[in-house]
């Protein structure tokens, strides 16, 4: 078993995100996961991620606060303990429209060609 203590989680930069601090919980240089990684995103009010699509699937799980996920099909507000699955190639935008910070777990497979240490 490999434990990552929240106090020891390392920050990472997420492309196209703004007013957000990401922490790596598992995977990449934190643990030897073979197929996926886990991050924790803290979004300030007004923070989010630009509209974009990736070729890999992802799962979001909101821990506190609310985030709005905008897709081509519409908008959905996720609150504490709500989750969503986004299919490969599905375009999404993330925005925290509230006045409180929001925290969300991100679970994704590694992008093709990722070289892990």
Protein backbone atom coordinates (compact mmCIF):
# COMPACT_ATOMS: atom_id res chain seq x y z
CA UNK A 1 0.00 0.00 0.00
CA UNK A 2 1.15 3.50 -0.74
CA UNK A 3 -0.37 6.37 1.22
CA UNK A 4 -0.36 10.02 0.22
CA UNK A 5 -1.09 12.28 3.16
CA UNK A 6 -2.99 15.41 2.21
CA UNK A 7 -0.34 17.52 3.96
CA UNK A 8 2.29 15.99 1.67
CA UNK A 9 0.37 16.17 -1.63
CA UNK A 10 2.34 18.00 -4.31
CA UNK A 11 0.85 20.73 -6.49
CA UNK A 12 0.65 20.34 -10.26
CA UNK A 13 -0.26 22.66 -13.10
CA UNK A 14 -3.35 21.81 -15.14
CA UNK A 15 -3.42 23.32 -18.64
CA UNK A 16 -6.29 25.70 -19.40
CA UNK A 17 -7.35 25.93 -15.74
CA UNK A 18 -7.60 29.26 -13.88
CA UNK A 19 -8.00 30.23 -10.22
CA UNK A 20 -7.44 26.56 -9.39
CA UNK A 21 -4.81 24.74 -7.37
CA UNK A 22 -4.29 21.08 -8.25
CA UNK A 23 -2.77 18.51 -5.90
CA UNK A 24 -1.56 15.10 -7.07
CA UNK A 25 -2.90 12.36 -4.78
CA UNK A 26 -1.89 9.21 -6.70
CA UNK A 27 -0.09 8.33 -9.91
CA UNK A 28 2.68 9.94 -11.94
CA UNK A 29 5.61 10.61 -9.56
CA UNK A 30 3.52 10.00 -6.41
CA UNK A 31 2.67 6.30 -6.66
CA UNK A 32 3.09 3.45 -9.14
CA UNK A 33 -0.49 3.29 -10.45
CA UNK A 34 -0.40 1.57 -13.83
CA UNK A 35 -3.57 2.83 -15.50
CA UNK A 36 -4.82 6.04 -13.89
CA UNK A 37 -3.97 9.01 -11.71
CA UNK A 38 -5.95 10.91 -9.06
CA UNK A 39 -5.88 14.62 -8.39
CA UNK A 40 -7.67 17.09 -6.18
CA UNK A 41 -8.71 20.43 -7.66
CA UNK A 42 -9.50 23.42 -5.45
CA UNK A 43 -11.42 26.09 -7.42
CA UNK A 44 -11.74 29.62 -6.11
CA UNK A 45 -15.01 31.47 -6.75
CA UNK A 46 -15.01 32.28 -10.47
CA UNK A 47 -12.33 29.66 -11.11
CA UNK A 48 -12.59 26.83 -13.56
CA UNK A 49 -11.29 25.26 -16.74
CA UNK A 50 -11.66 26.48 -20.31
CA UNK A 51 -13.83 24.56 -22.72
CA UNK A 52 -11.80 21.71 -24.18
CA UNK A 53 -11.92 18.01 -24.98
CA UNK A 54 -9.32 15.30 -24.44
CA UNK A 55 -9.10 11.84 -25.98
CA UNK A 56 -9.36 10.18 -22.56
CA UNK A 57 -12.27 9.55 -20.23
CA UNK A 58 -12.47 11.19 -16.82
CA UNK A 59 -14.48 11.15 -13.62
CA UNK A 60 -15.13 14.16 -11.40
CA UNK A 61 -16.31 13.85 -7.78
CA UNK A 62 -17.16 17.06 -5.94
CA UNK A 63 -16.21 17.00 -2.26
CA UNK A 64 -17.43 20.44 -1.22
CA UNK A 65 -18.96 23.50 -2.79
CA UNK A 66 -20.52 23.44 -6.24
CA UNK A 67 -19.11 23.38 -9.75
CA UNK A 68 -20.98 23.73 -13.02
CA UNK A 69 -19.95 21.36 -15.79
CA UNK A 70 -20.83 22.73 -19.22
CA UNK A 71 -20.92 20.29 -22.16
CA UNK A 72 -22.36 20.44 -25.66
CA UNK A 73 -25.50 18.84 -24.16
CA UNK A 74 -26.00 21.60 -21.57
CA UNK A 75 -25.05 22.52 -18.02
CA UNK A 76 -25.11 20.48 -14.83
CA UNK A 77 -24.39 21.72 -11.32
CA UNK A 78 -22.56 19.20 -9.15
CA UNK A 79 -22.68 19.57 -5.37
CA UNK A 80 -20.99 17.72 -2.55
CA UNK A 81 -20.64 13.98 -3.31
CA UNK A 82 -22.11 14.34 -6.82
CA UNK A 83 -20.00 12.88 -9.60
CA UNK A 84 -19.95 12.74 -13.39
CA UNK A 85 -18.30 10.72 -16.12
CA UNK A 86 -17.01 12.40 -19.26
CA UNK A 87 -16.42 10.21 -22.31
CA UNK A 88 -13.29 10.43 -24.45
CA UNK A 89 -13.57 13.44 -26.76
CA UNK A 90 -16.46 14.98 -24.80
CA UNK A 91 -16.00 18.74 -24.59
CA UNK A 92 -16.41 20.27 -21.14
CA UNK A 93 -15.96 23.53 -19.30
CA UNK A 94 -15.76 23.81 -15.50
CA UNK A 95 -16.81 26.90 -13.55
CA UNK A 96 -17.31 27.68 -9.88
CA UNK A 97 -20.16 30.20 -9.99
CA UNK A 98 -20.57 30.31 -6.22
CA UNK A 99 -18.97 32.49 -3.58
CA UNK A 100 -17.30 29.57 -1.77
CA UNK A 101 -14.28 27.56 -2.88
CA UNK A 102 -15.09 24.16 -4.38
CA UNK A 103 -13.01 20.97 -4.17
CA UNK A 104 -13.22 18.16 -6.71
CA UNK A 105 -11.45 14.81 -7.10
CA UNK A 106 -10.30 14.06 -10.65
CA UNK A 107 -9.69 10.47 -11.80
CA UNK A 108 -8.21 9.94 -15.26
CA UNK A 109 -6.21 7.35 -17.17
CA UNK A 110 -2.76 8.40 -18.25
CA UNK A 111 -2.58 10.15 -21.60
CA UNK A 112 -1.18 7.90 -24.33
CA UNK A 113 2.60 8.08 -24.42
CA UNK A 114 2.96 9.29 -20.83
CA UNK A 115 6.37 8.40 -19.44
CA UNK A 116 6.29 7.97 -15.71
CA UNK A 117 9.43 8.23 -13.52
